[in-house]
Amino acid sequence: MIEILVGSQMGAAEYVAEQVAETLVQAGYETKLHLQPDLDQLSPTKVWLVITSTYGAGDLPDNIQPFADQLAQDRCDLTTLSFAVITLGDSSYDTFCYAGKTLRQLLQQHGAKPLIENLEIDVLAADLPEEQALAWLPQLVNSIKKGE
């Protein structure tokens, strides 16, 4: 089971998450999308895939901010958790993809193990964000299989 945690302000990250989930299901994985992630409703024994946009000056989207606040305030043990992060951002900002960096740091502070380096998608690039995410996905699948 891959829990997909979505942080989306304008809908782009949500669309990427839907495309990624669909592709993972076709590859034989069970997925669950969380459009309002809640730490209390997630299993730390599953794989979490965080897909978020960066909003404003490196901020988290409104729908995932409460989850980040939970992580920052909770003393939860996530040492059984493996995760990966896809972040959408605008490279013309100094805070390019900070939302993903913030969530990765919060997860690691609780002992969670990253499966792979963050995928940082520049929305100014020629390729569509979902195409970049789908091109990266085989690397994630390989790292999940190594951990099974």
Protein backbone atom coordinates (compact mmCIF):
# COMPACT_ATOMS: atom_id res chain seq x y z
CA MET A 1 0.00 0.00 0.00
CA ILE A 2 1.29 3.41 -0.96
CA GLU A 3 -0.31 6.31 0.89
CA ILE A 4 -0.21 9.40 -1.35
CA LEU A 5 -0.31 12.64 0.65
CA VAL A 6 -1.29 15.60 -1.50
CA GLY A 7 -0.52 19.27 -0.91
CA SER A 8 -2.14 21.32 -3.65
CA GLN A 9 -3.07 24.98 -3.74
CA MET A 10 -4.17 25.39 -7.37
CA GLY A 11 -4.76 21.76 -8.38
CA ALA A 12 -1.53 20.95 -10.26
CA ALA A 13 -0.06 18.72 -7.54
CA GLU A 14 -3.42 16.98 -7.12
CA TYR A 15 -3.50 16.23 -10.85
CA VAL A 16 0.07 14.85 -10.70
CA ALA A 17 -0.94 12.71 -7.70
CA GLU A 18 -3.92 11.28 -9.59
CA GLN A 19 -1.73 10.39 -12.58
CA VAL A 20 0.93 8.81 -10.35
CA ALA A 21 -1.71 6.84 -8.39
CA GLU A 22 -3.26 5.54 -11.61
CA THR A 23 0.15 4.42 -12.92
CA LEU A 24 1.03 2.73 -9.61
CA VAL A 25 -2.29 0.85 -9.62
CA GLN A 26 -1.59 -0.33 -13.19
CA ALA A 27 1.80 -1.58 -11.90
CA GLY A 28 0.03 -3.67 -9.25
CA TYR A 29 0.28 -1.39 -6.21
CA GLU A 30 -2.60 -0.45 -3.97
CA THR A 31 -2.76 3.31 -3.42
CA LYS A 32 -4.80 5.73 -1.34
CA LEU A 33 -4.96 9.46 -2.02
CA HIS A 34 -5.12 11.80 0.99
CA LEU A 35 -6.24 15.27 -0.08
CA GLN A 36 -6.43 16.37 3.58
CA PRO A 37 -3.60 14.32 5.15
CA ASP A 38 -4.03 13.60 8.85
CA LEU A 39 -1.20 12.00 10.80
CA ASP A 40 -3.68 10.05 12.96
CA GLN A 41 -5.21 8.36 9.89
CA LEU A 42 -1.97 7.21 8.24
CA SER A 43 -0.10 3.97 8.86
CA PRO A 44 3.63 4.39 9.51
CA THR A 45 4.19 0.83 8.20
CA LYS A 46 3.15 1.79 4.66
CA VAL A 47 5.10 3.73 2.07
CA TRP A 48 4.17 7.40 1.94
CA LEU A 49 4.53 9.39 -1.25
CA VAL A 50 4.18 13.12 -0.60
CA ILE A 51 3.23 15.13 -3.67
CA THR A 52 3.04 18.85 -2.98
CA SER A 53 3.34 22.18 -4.65
CA THR A 54 5.25 25.07 -3.13
CA TYR A 55 3.11 28.13 -2.62
CA GLY A 56 4.05 31.76 -2.07
CA ALA A 57 7.54 32.20 -0.62
CA GLY A 58 8.30 28.51 -0.06
CA ASP A 59 5.09 27.82 1.86
CA LEU A 60 3.08 24.63 2.09
CA PRO A 61 -0.35 24.56 0.44
CA ASP A 62 -3.25 25.21 2.82
CA ASN A 63 -4.56 21.63 2.68
CA ILE A 64 -1.28 20.02 3.86
CA GLN A 65 -0.21 22.70 6.37
CA PRO A 66 -2.20 21.12 9.25
CA PHE A 67 -0.40 17.80 8.58
CA ALA A 68 2.98 19.56 8.71
CA ASP A 69 1.91 21.24 11.96
CA GLN A 70 0.98 17.82 13.39
CA LEU A 71 4.41 16.47 12.44
CA ALA A 72 6.17 19.47 13.96
CA GLN A 73 4.28 19.19 17.26
CA ASP A 74 3.84 15.42 17.62
CA ARG A 75 6.42 13.09 19.13
CA CYS A 76 5.43 10.21 16.85
CA ASP A 77 7.86 7.45 15.94
CA LEU A 78 8.09 6.96 12.18
CA THR A 79 11.12 4.66 12.13
CA THR A 80 9.04 2.00 10.33
CA LEU A 81 8.12 4.44 7.55
CA SER A 82 9.70 4.78 4.12
CA PHE A 83 8.78 7.79 2.02
CA ALA A 84 9.42 9.78 -1.13
CA VAL A 85 8.60 13.37 -2.09
CA ILE A 86 7.61 15.02 -5.35
CA THR A 87 7.51 18.82 -5.22
CA LEU A 88 6.29 21.30 -7.79
CA GLY A 89 7.81 24.75 -7.73
CA ASP A 90 8.81 27.79 -9.74
CA SER A 91 12.59 28.02 -10.22
CA SER A 92 12.44 31.80 -10.52
CA TYR A 93 11.95 31.91 -6.72
CA ASP A 94 14.76 31.53 -4.15
CA THR A 95 12.45 29.19 -2.25
CA PHE A 96 12.14 26.70 -5.16
CA CYS A 97 10.47 23.49 -3.93
CA TYR A 98 10.82 24.44 -0.23
CA ALA A 99 7.51 22.76 0.66
CA GLY A 100 8.93 19.35 -0.26
CA LYS A 101 12.18 20.06 1.55
CA THR A 102 10.24 21.07 4.66
CA LEU A 103 8.14 17.90 4.67
CA ARG A 104 11.17 15.67 4.03
CA GLN A 105 12.97 17.27 6.99
CA LEU A 106 9.94 16.86 9.27
CA LEU A 107 9.55 13.19 8.33
CA GLN A 108 13.25 12.48 8.84
CA GLN A 109 13.17 14.17 12.26
CA HIS A 110 10.73 11.42 13.31
CA GLY A 111 12.95 8.63 11.98
CA ALA A 112 11.29 8.05 8.59
CA LYS A 113 13.62 6.85 5.86
CA PRO A 114 13.66 8.45 2.40
CA LEU A 115 13.55 5.88 -0.39
CA ILE A 116 14.99 8.21 -3.02
CA GLU A 117 16.01 11.84 -3.50
CA ASN A 118 13.14 14.33 -3.84
CA LEU A 119 11.86 14.93 -7.34
CA GLU A 120 11.76 18.70 -7.77
CA ILE A 121 9.61 19.70 -10.73
CA ASP A 122 10.06 23.16 -12.21
CA VAL A 123 6.67 24.30 -13.47
CA LEU A 124 8.50 26.59 -15.91
CA ALA A 125 10.05 23.57 -17.69
CA ALA A 126 8.81 22.49 -21.10
CA ASP A 127 7.69 19.03 -19.90
CA LEU A 128 4.38 18.82 -18.08
CA PRO A 129 4.71 18.13 -14.34
CA GLU A 130 2.85 14.82 -14.60
CA GLU A 131 5.18 13.68 -17.42
CA GLN A 132 8.22 14.43 -15.25
CA ALA A 133 6.66 12.57 -12.30
CA LEU A 134 5.80 9.52 -14.43
CA ALA A 135 9.34 9.45 -15.88
CA TRP A 136 10.72 9.41 -12.29
CA LEU A 137 8.29 6.78 -11.03
CA PRO A 138 10.29 3.67 -12.12
CA GLN A 139 13.14 4.80 -9.84
CA LEU A 140 10.70 4.98 -6.92
CA VAL A 141 9.21 1.56 -7.74
CA ASN A 142 12.70 0.04 -7.86
CA SER A 143 13.58 1.51 -4.47
CA ILE A 144 10.30 0.19 -3.00
CA LYS A 145 11.01 -3.30 -4.37
CA LYS A 146 14.50 -3.25 -2.80
CA GLY A 147 12.92 -2.47 0.56
CA GLU A 148 10.29 -5.23 0.40
